[in-house]
Amino acid sequence: MNVRELQQKLSLTVFCGGRSMEYEVSGGYTCDLLSDVMGHARSGNVWITLQTHQNVVAIASLKELPAIVLVKGFNPDTGMMEHAEKEGIAILGTDEDSFTVSGRIYQLLVSR
C-alpha cells in the first residue's frame, strides 16, 4: 500500500505530499519522543505523532519515513511544512487520537 492509498482509505487530510504520496508503506511507528523514533522506527514506516515542528521532518528524512500522520486535529507549523516539502515527506492529519489511527493503519496493512 502506498501513502496515497492509506490517505484515501482513512480520509486523512493532506497538508503536503508531492512525490512521497507514491512511496510504499511497510508499517507504522507511534511515538511523540523524537529520540525513540530515531532509534527504533524503520524505513517505510509512517510516523504517527502530535509533534508539529520541523525537527520531526528531519528525523523522518533521516529514517526514510514516507509520511507523518498528525493526530488530534494538530496542524503542522510553517517550518514543518517548508521542511517536509523540501525533503519530499508527506504530512497527513486526522482528528482521531494516536491509539485509534494506529489501529486503523495496522488493520489496513495486515489485511492486504
PDB file of N, CA and C in Angstrom:
ATOM      1  N   MET A   1       0.849  -1.168   0.000  1.00  0.00           N
ATOM      2  CA  MET A   1       0.000   0.000   0.000  1.00  0.00           C
ATOM      3  C   MET A   1       0.901   1.239   0.000  1.00  0.00           C
ATOM      4  N   ASN A   2       0.543   2.223  -0.812  1.00  0.00           N
ATOM      5  CA  ASN A   2       1.342   3.440  -0.801  1.00  0.00           C
ATOM      6  C   ASN A   2       0.667   4.514   0.059  1.00  0.00           C
ATOM      7  N   VAL A   3       1.356   5.635   0.234  1.00  0.00           N
ATOM      8  CA  VAL A   3       0.862   6.707   1.108  1.00  0.00           C
ATOM      9  C   VAL A   3      -0.484   7.229   0.616  1.00  0.00           C
ATOM     10  N   ARG A   4      -0.642   7.397  -0.693  1.00  0.00           N
ATOM     11  CA  ARG A   4      -1.904   7.909  -1.242  1.00  0.00           C
ATOM     12  C   ARG A   4      -3.074   6.977  -0.915  1.00  0.00           C
ATOM     13  N   GLU A   5      -2.868   5.674  -1.077  1.00  0.00           N
ATOM     14  CA  GLU A   5      -3.928   4.714  -0.754  1.00  0.00           C
ATOM     15  C   GLU A   5      -4.277   4.771   0.730  1.00  0.00           C
ATOM     16  N   LEU A   6      -3.281   4.860   1.575  1.00  0.00           N
ATOM     17  CA  LEU A   6      -3.501   4.979   3.014  1.00  0.00           C
ATOM     18  C   LEU A   6      -4.309   6.239   3.320  1.00  0.00           C
ATOM     19  N   GLN A   7      -3.911   7.342   2.731  1.00  0.00           N
ATOM     20  CA  GLN A   7      -4.600   8.616   2.943  1.00  0.00           C
ATOM     21  C   GLN A   7      -6.060   8.526   2.518  1.00  0.00           C
ATOM     22  N   GLN A   8      -6.302   7.930   1.362  1.00  0.00           N
ATOM     23  CA  GLN A   8      -7.669   7.838   0.849  1.00  0.00           C
ATOM     24  C   GLN A   8      -8.529   6.901   1.694  1.00  0.00           C
ATOM     25  N   LYS A   9      -7.994   5.759   2.056  1.00  0.00           N
ATOM     26  CA  LYS A   9      -8.780   4.781   2.815  1.00  0.00           C
ATOM     27  C   LYS A   9      -9.130   5.280   4.216  1.00  0.00           C
ATOM     28  N   LEU A  10      -8.285   6.130   4.792  1.00  0.00           N
ATOM     29  CA  LEU A  10      -8.536   6.643   6.134  1.00  0.00           C
ATOM     30  C   LEU A  10      -9.088   8.071   6.123  1.00  0.00           C
ATOM     31  N   SER A  11      -9.294   8.618   4.924  1.00  0.00           N
ATOM     32  CA  SER A  11      -9.790  10.001   4.780  1.00  0.00           C
ATOM     33  C   SER A  11      -8.935  10.996   5.570  1.00  0.00           C
ATOM     34  N   LEU A  12      -7.618  10.852   5.432  1.00  0.00           N
ATOM     35  CA  LEU A  12      -6.696  11.739   6.126  1.00  0.00           C
ATOM     36  C   LEU A  12      -6.558  13.053   5.359  1.00  0.00           C
ATOM     37  N   THR A  13      -6.395  14.140   6.075  1.00  0.00           N
ATOM     38  CA  THR A  13      -6.123  15.441   5.470  1.00  0.00           C
ATOM     39  C   THR A  13      -4.707  15.427   4.917  1.00  0.00           C
ATOM     40  N   VAL A  14      -4.513  16.008   3.733  1.00  0.00           N
ATOM     41  CA  VAL A  14      -3.175  16.130   3.152  1.00  0.00           C
ATOM     42  C   VAL A  14      -2.711  17.573   3.339  1.00  0.00           C
ATOM     43  N   PHE A  15      -1.691  17.768   4.170  1.00  0.00           N
ATOM     44  CA  PHE A  15      -1.101  19.086   4.341  1.00  0.00           C
ATOM     45  C   PHE A  15      -0.040  19.318   3.277  1.00  0.00           C
ATOM     46  N   CYS A  16       0.738  18.289   2.967  1.00  0.00           N
ATOM     47  CA  CYS A  16       1.660  18.306   1.834  1.00  0.00           C
ATOM     48  C   CYS A  16       1.960  16.861   1.471  1.00  0.00           C
ATOM     49  N   GLY A  17       2.308  16.640   0.222  1.00  0.00           N
ATOM     50  CA  GLY A  17       2.508  15.265  -0.213  1.00  0.00           C
ATOM     51  C   GLY A  17       3.562  15.132  -1.284  1.00  0.00           C
ATOM     52  N   GLY A  18       3.238  15.613  -2.465  1.00  0.00           N
ATOM     53  CA  GLY A  18       4.189  15.512  -3.566  1.00  0.00           C
ATOM     54  C   GLY A  18       4.541  14.080  -3.905  1.00  0.00           C
ATOM     55  N   ARG A  19       5.788  13.878  -4.245  1.00  0.00           N
ATOM     56  CA  ARG A  19       6.253  12.565  -4.711  1.00  0.00           C
ATOM     57  C   ARG A  19       6.123  11.471  -3.658  1.00  0.00           C
ATOM     58  N   SER A  20       6.130  11.826  -2.393  1.00  0.00           N
ATOM     59  CA  SER A  20       6.068  10.811  -1.341  1.00  0.00           C
ATOM     60  C   SER A  20       4.712  10.130  -1.253  1.00  0.00           C
ATOM     61  N   MET A  21       3.690  10.674  -1.905  1.00  0.00           N
ATOM     62  CA  MET A  21       2.371  10.036  -1.887  1.00  0.00           C
ATOM     63  C   MET A  21       2.406   8.686  -2.592  1.00  0.00           C
ATOM     64  N   GLU A  22       3.400   8.457  -3.416  1.00  0.00           N
ATOM     65  CA  GLU A  22       3.518   7.189  -4.144  1.00  0.00           C
ATOM     66  C   GLU A  22       4.448   6.197  -3.446  1.00  0.00           C
ATOM     67  N   TYR A  23       5.094   6.598  -2.373  1.00  0.00           N
ATOM     68  CA  TYR A  23       6.015   5.711  -1.658  1.00  0.00           C
ATOM     69  C   TYR A  23       5.249   4.612  -0.929  1.00  0.00           C
ATOM     70  N   GLU A  24       5.858   3.467  -0.845  1.00  0.00           N
ATOM     71  CA  GLU A  24       5.252   2.318  -0.161  1.00  0.00           C
ATOM     72  C   GLU A  24       5.320   2.488   1.355  1.00  0.00           C
ATOM     73  N   VAL A  25       4.279   2.005   2.017  1.00  0.00           N
ATOM     74  CA  VAL A  25       4.202   1.999   3.473  1.00  0.00           C
ATOM     75  C   VAL A  25       4.374   0.553   3.930  1.00  0.00           C
ATOM     76  N   SER A  26       5.383   0.322   4.763  1.00  0.00           N
ATOM     77  CA  SER A  26       5.656  -1.036   5.233  1.00  0.00           C
ATOM     78  C   SER A  26       5.167  -1.273   6.662  1.00  0.00           C
ATOM     79  N   GLY A  27       4.838  -0.189   7.356  1.00  0.00           N
ATOM     80  CA  GLY A  27       4.407  -0.302   8.744  1.00  0.00           C
ATOM     81  C   GLY A  27       4.209   1.077   9.330  1.00  0.00           C
ATOM     82  N   GLY A  28       4.108   1.134  10.642  1.00  0.00           N
ATOM     83  CA  GLY A  28       3.926   2.415  11.303  1.00  0.00           C
ATOM     84  C   GLY A  28       4.677   2.454  12.612  1.00  0.00           C
ATOM     85  N   TYR A  29       4.913   3.667  13.088  1.00  0.00           N
ATOM     86  CA  TYR A  29       5.553   3.859  14.380  1.00  0.00           C
ATOM     87  C   TYR A  29       4.845   5.006  15.083  1.00  0.00           C
ATOM     88  N   THR A  30       4.324   4.734  16.262  1.00  0.00           N
ATOM     89  CA  THR A  30       3.567   5.725  17.016  1.00  0.00           C
ATOM     90  C   THR A  30       4.366   6.154  18.228  1.00  0.00           C
ATOM     91  N   CYS A  31       4.766   7.426  18.237  1.00  0.00           N
ATOM     92  CA  CYS A  31       5.564   7.934  19.349  1.00  0.00           C
ATOM     93  C   CYS A  31       5.685   9.443  19.225  1.00  0.00           C
ATOM     94  N   ASP A  32       5.764  10.124  20.368  1.00  0.00           N
ATOM     95  CA  ASP A  32       5.977  11.561  20.388  1.00  0.00           C
ATOM     96  C   ASP A  32       7.384  11.926  20.853  1.00  0.00           C
ATOM     97  N   LEU A  33       8.162  10.938  21.213  1.00  0.00           N
ATOM     98  CA  LEU A  33       9.524  11.161  21.680  1.00  0.00           C
ATOM     99  C   LEU A  33      10.485  10.986  20.499  1.00  0.00           C
ATOM    100  N   LEU A  34      11.061  12.079  20.042  1.00  0.00           N
ATOM    101  CA  LEU A  34      11.867  12.069  18.831  1.00  0.00           C
ATOM    102  C   LEU A  34      13.041  11.097  18.911  1.00  0.00           C
ATOM    103  N   SER A  35      13.713  11.030  20.045  1.00  0.00           N
ATOM    104  CA  SER A  35      14.867  10.134  20.174  1.00  0.00           C
ATOM    105  C   SER A  35      14.449   8.667  20.056  1.00  0.00           C
ATOM    106  N   ASP A  36      13.259   8.331  20.516  1.00  0.00           N
ATOM    107  CA  ASP A  36      12.775   6.961  20.397  1.00  0.00           C
ATOM    108  C   ASP A  36      12.511   6.614  18.932  1.00  0.00           C
ATOM    109  N   VAL A  37      11.920   7.526  18.206  1.00  0.00           N
ATOM    110  CA  VAL A  37      11.670   7.311  16.781  1.00  0.00           C
ATOM    111  C   VAL A  37      12.995   7.169  16.049  1.00  0.00           C
ATOM    112  N   MET A  38      13.939   8.012  16.377  1.00  0.00           N
ATOM    113  CA  MET A  38      15.244   7.946  15.728  1.00  0.00           C
ATOM    114  C   MET A  38      15.911   6.593  15.973  1.00  0.00           C
ATOM    115  N   GLY A  39      15.704   6.033  17.149  1.00  0.00           N
ATOM    116  CA  GLY A  39      16.342   4.762  17.483  1.00  0.00           C
ATOM    117  C   GLY A  39      15.601   3.529  17.019  1.00  0.00           C
ATOM    118  N   HIS A  40      14.282   3.641  16.758  1.00  0.00           N
ATOM    119  CA  HIS A  40      13.510   2.420  16.532  1.00  0.00           C
ATOM    120  C   HIS A  40      12.620   2.369  15.296  1.00  0.00           C
ATOM    121  N   ALA A  41      12.253   3.508  14.718  1.00  0.00           N
ATOM    122  CA  ALA A  41      11.417   3.472  13.507  1.00  0.00           C
ATOM    123  C   ALA A  41      12.225   2.866  12.367  1.00  0.00           C
ATOM    124  N   ARG A  42      11.514   2.239  11.445  1.00  0.00           N
ATOM    125  CA  ARG A  42      12.168   1.589  10.309  1.00  0.00           C
ATOM    126  C   ARG A  42      11.791   2.285   9.007  1.00  0.00           C
ATOM    127  N   SER A  43      12.696   2.252   8.074  1.00  0.00           N
ATOM    128  CA  SER A  43      12.433   2.816   6.754  1.00  0.00           C
ATOM    129  C   SER A  43      11.109   2.272   6.217  1.00  0.00           C
ATOM    130  N   GLY A  44      10.281   3.161   5.676  1.00  0.00           N
ATOM    131  CA  GLY A  44       8.990   2.752   5.137  1.00  0.00           C
ATOM    132  C   GLY A  44       7.834   2.877   6.107  1.00  0.00           C
ATOM    133  N   ASN A  45       8.140   3.126   7.390  1.00  0.00           N
ATOM    134  CA  ASN A  45       7.077   3.331   8.385  1.00  0.00           C
ATOM    135  C   ASN A  45       6.452   4.710   8.212  1.00  0.00           C
ATOM    136  N   VAL A  46       5.154   4.812   8.509  1.00  0.00           N
ATOM    137  CA  VAL A  46       4.550   6.126   8.696  1.00  0.00           C
ATOM    138  C   VAL A  46       4.666   6.437  10.180  1.00  0.00           C
ATOM    139  N   TRP A  47       4.910   7.693  10.492  1.00  0.00           N
ATOM    140  CA  TRP A  47       5.102   8.123  11.871  1.00  0.00           C
ATOM    141  C   TRP A  47       3.834   8.804  12.351  1.00  0.00           C
ATOM    142  N   ILE A  48       3.235   8.273  13.393  1.00  0.00           N
ATOM    143  CA  ILE A  48       2.026   8.829  13.980  1.00  0.00           C
ATOM    144  C   ILE A  48       2.447   9.614  15.221  1.00  0.00           C
ATOM    145  N   THR A  49       2.131  10.935  15.247  1.00  0.00           N
ATOM    146  CA  THR A  49       2.592  11.805  16.328  1.00  0.00           C
ATOM    147  C   THR A  49       1.716  13.039  16.461  1.00  0.00           C
ATOM    148  N   LEU A  50       1.888  13.752  17.570  1.00  0.00           N
ATOM    149  CA  LEU A  50       1.253  15.058  17.718  1.00  0.00           C
ATOM    150  C   LEU A  50       2.280  16.187  17.631  1.00  0.00           C
ATOM    151  N   GLN A  51       3.540  15.847  17.405  1.00  0.00           N
ATOM    152  CA  GLN A  51       4.600  16.853  17.254  1.00  0.00           C
ATOM    153  C   GLN A  51       4.451  17.568  15.909  1.00  0.00           C
ATOM    154  N   THR A  52       4.574  18.892  15.910  1.00  0.00           N
ATOM    155  CA  THR A  52       4.271  19.663  14.699  1.00  0.00           C
ATOM    156  C   THR A  52       5.389  20.617  14.284  1.00  0.00           C
ATOM    157  N   HIS A  53       6.627  20.322  14.624  1.00  0.00           N
ATOM    158  CA  HIS A  53       7.733  21.226  14.303  1.00  0.00           C
ATOM    159  C   HIS A  53       8.705  20.574  13.324  1.00  0.00           C
ATOM    160  N   GLN A  54       9.605  21.377  12.785  1.00  0.00           N
ATOM    161  CA  GLN A  54      10.474  20.909  11.698  1.00  0.00           C
ATOM    162  C   GLN A  54      11.458  19.810  12.113  1.00  0.00           C
ATOM    163  N   ASN A  55      11.771  19.656  13.391  1.00  0.00           N
ATOM    164  CA  ASN A  55      12.669  18.573  13.813  1.00  0.00           C
ATOM    165  C   ASN A  55      12.067  17.201  13.527  1.00  0.00           C
ATOM    166  N   VAL A  56      10.744  17.119  13.518  1.00  0.00           N
ATOM    167  CA  VAL A  56      10.062  15.864  13.182  1.00  0.00           C
ATOM    168  C   VAL A  56      10.417  15.464  11.749  1.00  0.00           C
ATOM    169  N   VAL A  57      10.407  16.430  10.855  1.00  0.00           N
ATOM    170  CA  VAL A  57      10.726  16.158   9.450  1.00  0.00           C
ATOM    171  C   VAL A  57      12.183  15.740   9.300  1.00  0.00           C
ATOM    172  N   ALA A  58      13.073  16.360  10.050  1.00  0.00           N
ATOM    173  CA  ALA A  58      14.490  15.996   9.977  1.00  0.00           C
ATOM    174  C   ALA A  58      14.685  14.526  10.340  1.00  0.00           C
ATOM    175  N   ILE A  59      14.010  14.072  11.378  1.00  0.00           N
ATOM    176  CA  ILE A  59      14.124  12.673  11.787  1.00  0.00           C
ATOM    177  C   ILE A  59      13.448  11.754  10.770  1.00  0.00           C
ATOM    178  N   ALA A  60      12.293  12.160  10.270  1.00  0.00           N
ATOM    179  CA  ALA A  60      11.602  11.360   9.245  1.00  0.00           C
ATOM    180  C   ALA A  60      12.489  11.191   8.016  1.00  0.00           C
ATOM    181  N   SER A  61      13.174  12.239   7.627  1.00  0.00           N
ATOM    182  CA  SER A  61      14.073  12.169   6.478  1.00  0.00           C
ATOM    183  C   SER A  61      15.245  11.237   6.758  1.00  0.00           C
ATOM    184  N   LEU A  62      15.853  11.377   7.921  1.00  0.00           N
ATOM    185  CA  LEU A  62      16.978  10.528   8.326  1.00  0.00           C
ATOM    186  C   LEU A  62      16.592   9.050   8.324  1.00  0.00           C
ATOM    187  N   LYS A  63      15.390   8.747   8.805  1.00  0.00           N
ATOM    188  CA  LYS A  63      14.932   7.359   8.916  1.00  0.00           C
ATOM    189  C   LYS A  63      14.210   6.855   7.660  1.00  0.00           C
ATOM    190  N   GLU A  64      14.103   7.698   6.634  1.00  0.00           N
ATOM    191  CA  GLU A  64      13.433   7.346   5.370  1.00  0.00           C
ATOM    192  C   GLU A  64      11.978   6.953   5.596  1.00  0.00           C
ATOM    193  N   LEU A  65      11.270   7.797   6.346  1.00  0.00           N
ATOM    194  CA  LEU A  65       9.848   7.598   6.598  1.00  0.00           C
ATOM    195  C   LEU A  65       9.077   8.390   5.534  1.00  0.00           C
ATOM    196  N   PRO A  66       8.173   7.758   4.813  1.00  0.00           N
ATOM    197  CA  PRO A  66       7.489   8.451   3.722  1.00  0.00           C
ATOM    198  C   PRO A  66       6.427   9.445   4.156  1.00  0.00           C
ATOM    199  N   ALA A  67       5.908   9.308   5.377  1.00  0.00           N
ATOM    200  CA  ALA A  67       4.818  10.184   5.806  1.00  0.00           C
ATOM    201  C   ALA A  67       4.761  10.323   7.314  1.00  0.00           C
ATOM    202  N   ILE A  68       4.233  11.460   7.721  1.00  0.00           N
ATOM    203  CA  ILE A  68       3.969  11.762   9.121  1.00  0.00           C
ATOM    204  C   ILE A  68       2.467  11.969   9.237  1.00  0.00           C
ATOM    205  N   VAL A  69       1.844  11.320  10.200  1.00  0.00           N
ATOM    206  CA  VAL A  69       0.414  11.499  10.444  1.00  0.00           C
ATOM    207  C   VAL A  69       0.250  12.256  11.759  1.00  0.00           C
ATOM    208  N   LEU A  70      -0.279  13.467  11.662  1.00  0.00           N
ATOM    209  CA  LEU A  70      -0.550  14.277  12.845  1.00  0.00           C
ATOM    210  C   LEU A  70      -1.929  13.933  13.378  1.00  0.00           C
ATOM    211  N   VAL A  71      -2.029  13.776  14.681  1.00  0.00           N
ATOM    212  CA  VAL A  71      -3.263  13.317  15.319  1.00  0.00           C
ATOM    213  C   VAL A  71      -3.974  14.455  16.063  1.00  0.00           C
ATOM    214  N   LYS A  72      -5.194  14.162  16.522  1.00  0.00           N
ATOM    215  CA  LYS A  72      -5.984  15.038  17.381  1.00  0.00           C
ATOM    216  C   LYS A  72      -6.207  16.432  16.801  1.00  0.00           C
ATOM    217  N   GLY A  73      -6.256  16.527  15.479  1.00  0.00           N
ATOM    218  CA  GLY A  73      -6.524  17.805  14.835  1.00  0.00           C
ATOM    219  C   GLY A  73      -5.361  18.776  14.824  1.00  0.00           C
ATOM    220  N   PHE A  74      -4.159  18.324  15.180  1.00  0.00           N
ATOM    221  CA  PHE A  74      -2.992  19.202  15.159  1.00  0.00           C
ATOM    222  C   PHE A  74      -2.634  19.549  13.716  1.00  0.00           C
ATOM    223  N   ASN A  75      -2.145  20.773  13.525  1.00  0.00           N
ATOM    224  CA  ASN A  75      -1.707  21.241  12.213  1.00  0.00           C
ATOM    225  C   ASN A  75      -0.204  21.494  12.232  1.00  0.00           C
ATOM    226  N   PRO A  76       0.480  21.243  11.120  1.00  0.00           N
ATOM    227  CA  PRO A  76       1.927  21.483  11.081  1.00  0.00           C
ATOM    228  C   PRO A  76       2.224  22.971  11.142  1.00  0.00           C
ATOM    229  N   ASP A  77       3.337  23.336  11.790  1.00  0.00           N
ATOM    230  CA  ASP A  77       3.731  24.741  11.761  1.00  0.00           C
ATOM    231  C   ASP A  77       4.410  25.036  10.422  1.00  0.00           C
ATOM    232  N   THR A  78       4.648  26.295  10.166  1.00  0.00           N
ATOM    233  CA  THR A  78       5.199  26.721   8.877  1.00  0.00           C
ATOM    234  C   THR A  78       6.542  26.071   8.582  1.00  0.00           C
ATOM    235  N   GLY A  79       7.418  26.022   9.569  1.00  0.00           N
ATOM    236  CA  GLY A  79       8.737  25.407   9.379  1.00  0.00           C
ATOM    237  C   GLY A  79       8.630  23.936   9.037  1.00  0.00           C
ATOM    238  N   MET A  80       7.697  23.251   9.655  1.00  0.00           N
ATOM    239  CA  MET A  80       7.499  21.828   9.375  1.00  0.00           C
ATOM    240  C   MET A  80       7.057  21.637   7.929  1.00  0.00           C
ATOM    241  N   MET A  81       6.118  22.450   7.483  1.00  0.00           N
ATOM    242  CA  MET A  81       5.606  22.342   6.102  1.00  0.00           C
ATOM    243  C   MET A  81       6.723  22.602   5.090  1.00  0.00           C
ATOM    244  N   GLU A  82       7.464  23.670   5.307  1.00  0.00           N
ATOM    245  CA  GLU A  82       8.542  24.024   4.375  1.00  0.00           C
ATOM    246  C   GLU A  82       9.585  22.912   4.302  1.00  0.00           C
ATOM    247  N   HIS A  83       9.967  22.392   5.444  1.00  0.00           N
ATOM    248  CA  HIS A  83      10.976  21.330   5.503  1.00  0.00           C
ATOM    249  C   HIS A  83      10.449  20.047   4.849  1.00  0.00           C
ATOM    250  N   ALA A  84       9.187  19.711   5.090  1.00  0.00           N
ATOM    251  CA  ALA A  84       8.600  18.499   4.505  1.00  0.00           C
ATOM    252  C   ALA A  84       8.527  18.599   2.982  1.00  0.00           C
ATOM    253  N   GLU A  85       8.147  19.751   2.472  1.00  0.00           N
ATOM    254  CA  GLU A  85       8.090  19.919   1.020  1.00  0.00           C
ATOM    255  C   GLU A  85       9.477  19.781   0.414  1.00  0.00           C
ATOM    256  N   LYS A  86      10.472  20.360   1.067  1.00  0.00           N
ATOM    257  CA  LYS A  86      11.857  20.277   0.597  1.00  0.00           C
ATOM    258  C   LYS A  86      12.376  18.835   0.628  1.00  0.00           C
ATOM    259  N   GLU A  87      12.045  18.096   1.673  1.00  0.00           N
ATOM    260  CA  GLU A  87      12.523  16.724   1.847  1.00  0.00           C
ATOM    261  C   GLU A  87      11.656  15.682   1.133  1.00  0.00           C
ATOM    262  N   GLY A  88      10.490  16.083   0.657  1.00  0.00           N
ATOM    263  CA  GLY A  88       9.606  15.141  -0.033  1.00  0.00           C
ATOM    264  C   GLY A  88       8.930  14.154   0.907  1.00  0.00           C
ATOM    265  N   ILE A  89       8.486  14.648   2.055  1.00  0.00           N
ATOM    266  CA  ILE A  89       7.801  13.799   3.028  1.00  0.00           C
ATOM    267  C   ILE A  89       6.364  14.282   3.160  1.00  0.00           C
ATOM    268  N   ALA A  90       5.424  13.360   3.065  1.00  0.00           N
ATOM    269  CA  ALA A  90       4.015  13.717   3.189  1.00  0.00           C
ATOM    270  C   ALA A  90       3.675  14.018   4.642  1.00  0.00           C
ATOM    271  N   ILE A  91       2.863  15.044   4.840  1.00  0.00           N
ATOM    272  CA  ILE A  91       2.294  15.309   6.157  1.00  0.00           C
ATOM    273  C   ILE A  91       0.790  15.178   6.022  1.00  0.00           C
ATOM    274  N   LEU A  92       0.252  14.248   6.794  1.00  0.00           N
ATOM    275  CA  LEU A  92      -1.176  13.958   6.775  1.00  0.00           C
ATOM    276  C   LEU A  92      -1.745  14.267   8.147  1.00  0.00           C
ATOM    277  N   GLY A  93      -3.064  14.374   8.248  1.00  0.00           N
ATOM    278  CA  GLY A  93      -3.657  14.685   9.533  1.00  0.00           C
ATOM    279  C   GLY A  93      -4.990  14.002   9.753  1.00  0.00           C
ATOM    280  N   THR A  94      -5.347  13.872  11.036  1.00  0.00           N
ATOM    281  CA  THR A  94      -6.619  13.294  11.440  1.00  0.00           C
ATOM    282  C   THR A  94      -7.059  13.919  12.759  1.00  0.00           C
ATOM    283  N   ASP A  95      -8.348  13.892  13.009  1.00  0.00           N
ATOM    284  CA  ASP A  95      -8.874  14.331  14.301  1.00  0.00           C
ATOM    285  C   ASP A  95      -8.827  13.203  15.330  1.00  0.00           C
ATOM    286  N   GLU A  96      -8.546  11.994  14.876  1.00  0.00           N
ATOM    287  CA  GLU A  96      -8.501  10.841  15.780  1.00  0.00           C
ATOM    288  C   GLU A  96      -7.257  10.900  16.664  1.00  0.00           C
ATOM    289  N   ASP A  97      -7.294  10.156  17.779  1.00  0.00           N
ATOM    290  CA  ASP A  97      -6.121  10.089  18.644  1.00  0.00           C
ATOM    291  C   ASP A  97      -5.132   9.052  18.108  1.00  0.00           C
ATOM    292  N   SER A  98      -3.951   9.012  18.694  1.00  0.00           N
ATOM    293  CA  SER A  98      -2.882   8.112  18.234  1.00  0.00           C
ATOM    294  C   SER A  98      -3.284   6.647  18.271  1.00  0.00           C
ATOM    295  N   PHE A  99      -3.932   6.242  19.344  1.00  0.00           N
ATOM    296  CA  PHE A  99      -4.344   4.848  19.503  1.00  0.00           C
ATOM    297  C   PHE A  99      -5.281   4.426  18.369  1.00  0.00           C
ATOM    298  N   THR A 100      -6.271   5.242  18.101  1.00  0.00           N
ATOM    299  CA  THR A 100      -7.276   4.899  17.094  1.00  0.00           C
ATOM    300  C   THR A 100      -6.686   4.840  15.694  1.00  0.00           C
ATOM    301  N   VAL A 101      -5.966   5.861  15.289  1.00  0.00           N
ATOM    302  CA  VAL A 101      -5.424   5.873  13.927  1.00  0.00           C
ATOM    303  C   VAL A 101      -4.337   4.809  13.758  1.00  0.00           C
ATOM    304  N   SER A 102      -3.570   4.532  14.799  1.00  0.00           N
ATOM    305  CA  SER A 102      -2.569   3.462  14.712  1.00  0.00           C
ATOM    306  C   SER A 102      -3.245   2.116  14.463  1.00  0.00           C
ATOM    307  N   GLY A 103      -4.328   1.861  15.175  1.00  0.00           N
ATOM    308  CA  GLY A 103      -5.073   0.620  14.982  1.00  0.00           C
ATOM    309  C   GLY A 103      -5.649   0.519  13.583  1.00  0.00           C
ATOM    310  N   ARG A 104      -6.155   1.616  13.066  1.00  0.00           N
ATOM    311  CA  ARG A 104      -6.728   1.605  11.717  1.00  0.00           C
ATOM    312  C   ARG A 104      -5.653   1.352  10.659  1.00  0.00           C
ATOM    313  N   ILE A 105      -4.489   1.969  10.836  1.00  0.00           N
ATOM    314  CA  ILE A 105      -3.383   1.741   9.904  1.00  0.00           C
ATOM    315  C   ILE A 105      -2.926   0.291   9.985  1.00  0.00           C
ATOM    316  N   TYR A 106      -2.802  -0.217  11.178  1.00  0.00           N
ATOM    317  CA  TYR A 106      -2.407  -1.622  11.366  1.00  0.00           C
ATOM    318  C   TYR A 106      -3.382  -2.549  10.633  1.00  0.00           C
ATOM    319  N   GLN A 107      -4.667  -2.345  10.829  1.00  0.00           N
ATOM    320  CA  GLN A 107      -5.667  -3.192  10.179  1.00  0.00           C
ATOM    321  C   GLN A 107      -5.546  -3.150   8.656  1.00  0.00           C
ATOM    322  N   LEU A 108      -5.320  -1.970   8.098  1.00  0.00           N
ATOM    323  CA  LEU A 108      -5.161  -1.860   6.643  1.00  0.00           C
ATOM    324  C   LEU A 108      -3.941  -2.639   6.160  1.00  0.00           C
ATOM    325  N   LEU A 109      -2.857  -2.515   6.889  1.00  0.00           N
ATOM    326  CA  LEU A 109      -1.609  -3.147   6.448  1.00  0.00           C
ATOM    327  C   LEU A 109      -1.632  -4.670   6.586  1.00  0.00           C
ATOM    328  N   VAL A 110      -2.253  -5.189   7.629  1.00  0.00           N
ATOM    329  CA  VAL A 110      -2.264  -6.643   7.793  1.00  0.00           C
ATOM    330  C   VAL A 110      -3.328  -7.326   6.934  1.00  0.00           C
ATOM    331  N   SER A 111      -4.287  -6.554   6.437  1.00  0.00           N
ATOM    332  CA  SER A 111      -5.349  -7.165   5.631  1.00  0.00           C
ATOM    333  C   SER A 111      -5.017  -7.169   4.140  1.00  0.00           C
ATOM    334  N   ARG A 112      -3.862  -6.677   3.749  1.00  0.00           N
ATOM    335  CA  ARG A 112      -3.534  -6.660   2.314  1.00  0.00           C
ATOM    336  C   ARG A 112      -3.054  -7.992   1.831  1.00  0.00           C
TER     337      ARG A 112
END
